[in-house]
Amino acid sequence: MINSTKYVIGVMSGTSLDGIDIVYVKINYTENYSFEILNAATIPYSNEWKLKLKEGFSFIG
């Protein structure tokens, strides 16, 4: 494989309802993969969004 560098933005939200997590990462490949977190943040949910998300679980299964 050719040596390469990629920049990636990742977004996730877990079941804790604390907010949305965002990360900006640099991924390098030479003989192995390595990564460096360039920036990361959690954007908290407002109380209104927390309530809406909690109510959403009642519609599942």
C-alpha atoms as a PDB file:
ATOM      1  CA  MET A   1       0.000   0.000   0.000  1.00  0.00           C
ATOM      2  CA  ILE A   2       1.176   3.527  -0.712  1.00  0.00           C
ATOM      3  CA  ASN A   3       1.970   5.780   2.239  1.00  0.00           C
ATOM      4  CA  SER A   4      -1.003   8.034   2.787  1.00  0.00           C
ATOM      5  CA  THR A   5      -2.514  10.636   5.080  1.00  0.00           C
ATOM      6  CA  LYS A   6      -6.252  11.186   5.484  1.00  0.00           C
ATOM      7  CA  TYR A   7      -8.161  13.779   7.474  1.00  0.00           C
ATOM      8  CA  VAL A   8     -11.489  12.580   8.855  1.00  0.00           C
ATOM      9  CA  ILE A   9     -14.387  14.154  10.755  1.00  0.00           C
ATOM     10  CA  GLY A  10     -16.331  11.780  12.989  1.00  0.00           C
ATOM     11  CA  VAL A  11     -19.712  12.456  14.594  1.00  0.00           C
ATOM     12  CA  MET A  12     -21.566  10.323  17.122  1.00  0.00           C
ATOM     13  CA  SER A  13     -24.185  10.458  19.811  1.00  0.00           C
ATOM     14  CA  GLY A  14     -24.532   7.755  22.428  1.00  0.00           C
ATOM     15  CA  THR A  15     -27.363   6.704  24.689  1.00  0.00           C
ATOM     16  CA  SER A  16     -26.289   8.957  27.594  1.00  0.00           C
ATOM     17  CA  LEU A  17     -28.058  11.914  25.925  1.00  0.00           C
ATOM     18  CA  ASP A  18     -25.287  14.279  26.962  1.00  0.00           C
ATOM     19  CA  GLY A  19     -24.713  15.661  23.460  1.00  0.00           C
ATOM     20  CA  ILE A  20     -23.127  15.145  20.075  1.00  0.00           C
ATOM     21  CA  ASP A  21     -19.424  14.267  19.972  1.00  0.00           C
ATOM     22  CA  ILE A  22     -17.347  15.559  17.061  1.00  0.00           C
ATOM     23  CA  VAL A  23     -13.703  14.756  16.316  1.00  0.00           C
ATOM     24  CA  TYR A  24     -11.224  15.836  13.620  1.00  0.00           C
ATOM     25  CA  VAL A  25      -8.512  13.207  13.127  1.00  0.00           C
ATOM     26  CA  LYS A  26      -5.383  12.810  11.021  1.00  0.00           C
ATOM     27  CA  ILE A  27      -4.806   9.169  10.006  1.00  0.00           C
ATOM     28  CA  ASN A  28      -1.408   8.129   8.642  1.00  0.00           C
ATOM     29  CA  TYR A  29      -0.413   4.914   6.965  1.00  0.00           C
ATOM     30  CA  THR A  30       3.211   3.971   6.406  1.00  0.00           C
ATOM     31  CA  GLU A  31       3.850   0.392   7.492  1.00  0.00           C
ATOM     32  CA  ASN A  32       1.110   0.646  10.132  1.00  0.00           C
ATOM     33  CA  TYR A  33      -1.792   2.942  10.840  1.00  0.00           C
ATOM     34  CA  SER A  34      -1.450   5.774  13.346  1.00  0.00           C
ATOM     35  CA  PHE A  35      -3.740   8.626  14.206  1.00  0.00           C
ATOM     36  CA  GLU A  36      -3.681  12.026  15.852  1.00  0.00           C
ATOM     37  CA  ILE A  37      -6.734  13.785  17.272  1.00  0.00           C
ATOM     38  CA  LEU A  38      -6.475  17.347  15.987  1.00  0.00           C
ATOM     39  CA  ASN A  39      -9.635  18.669  17.633  1.00  0.00           C
ATOM     40  CA  ALA A  40     -12.574  17.262  19.585  1.00  0.00           C
ATOM     41  CA  ALA A  41     -15.694  18.682  21.171  1.00  0.00           C
ATOM     42  CA  THR A  42     -18.982  17.684  22.742  1.00  0.00           C
ATOM     43  CA  ILE A  43     -21.941  19.881  21.897  1.00  0.00           C
ATOM     44  CA  PRO A  44     -24.481  19.476  24.714  1.00  0.00           C
ATOM     45  CA  TYR A  45     -28.132  18.844  23.949  1.00  0.00           C
ATOM     46  CA  SER A  46     -30.601  21.459  25.111  1.00  0.00           C
ATOM     47  CA  ASN A  47     -33.225  20.313  27.625  1.00  0.00           C
ATOM     48  CA  GLU A  48     -35.790  20.408  24.805  1.00  0.00           C
ATOM     49  CA  TRP A  49     -33.717  18.014  22.665  1.00  0.00           C
ATOM     50  CA  LYS A  50     -33.034  15.697  25.614  1.00  0.00           C
ATOM     51  CA  LEU A  51     -36.778  15.378  26.198  1.00  0.00           C
ATOM     52  CA  LYS A  52     -37.469  14.713  22.495  1.00  0.00           C
ATOM     53  CA  LEU A  53     -34.761  12.062  22.344  1.00  0.00           C
ATOM     54  CA  LYS A  54     -35.965  10.347  25.537  1.00  0.00           C
ATOM     55  CA  GLU A  55     -39.505  10.249  24.129  1.00  0.00           C
ATOM     56  CA  GLY A  56     -38.148   8.715  20.911  1.00  0.00           C
ATOM     57  CA  PHE A  57     -37.102   5.551  22.755  1.00  0.00           C
ATOM     58  CA  SER A  58     -40.739   4.852  23.694  1.00  0.00           C
ATOM     59  CA  PHE A  59     -41.521   4.300  19.979  1.00  0.00           C
ATOM     60  CA  ILE A  60     -38.965   1.518  19.615  1.00  0.00           C
ATOM     61  CA  GLY A  61     -40.091  -2.094  19.850  1.00  0.00           C
END
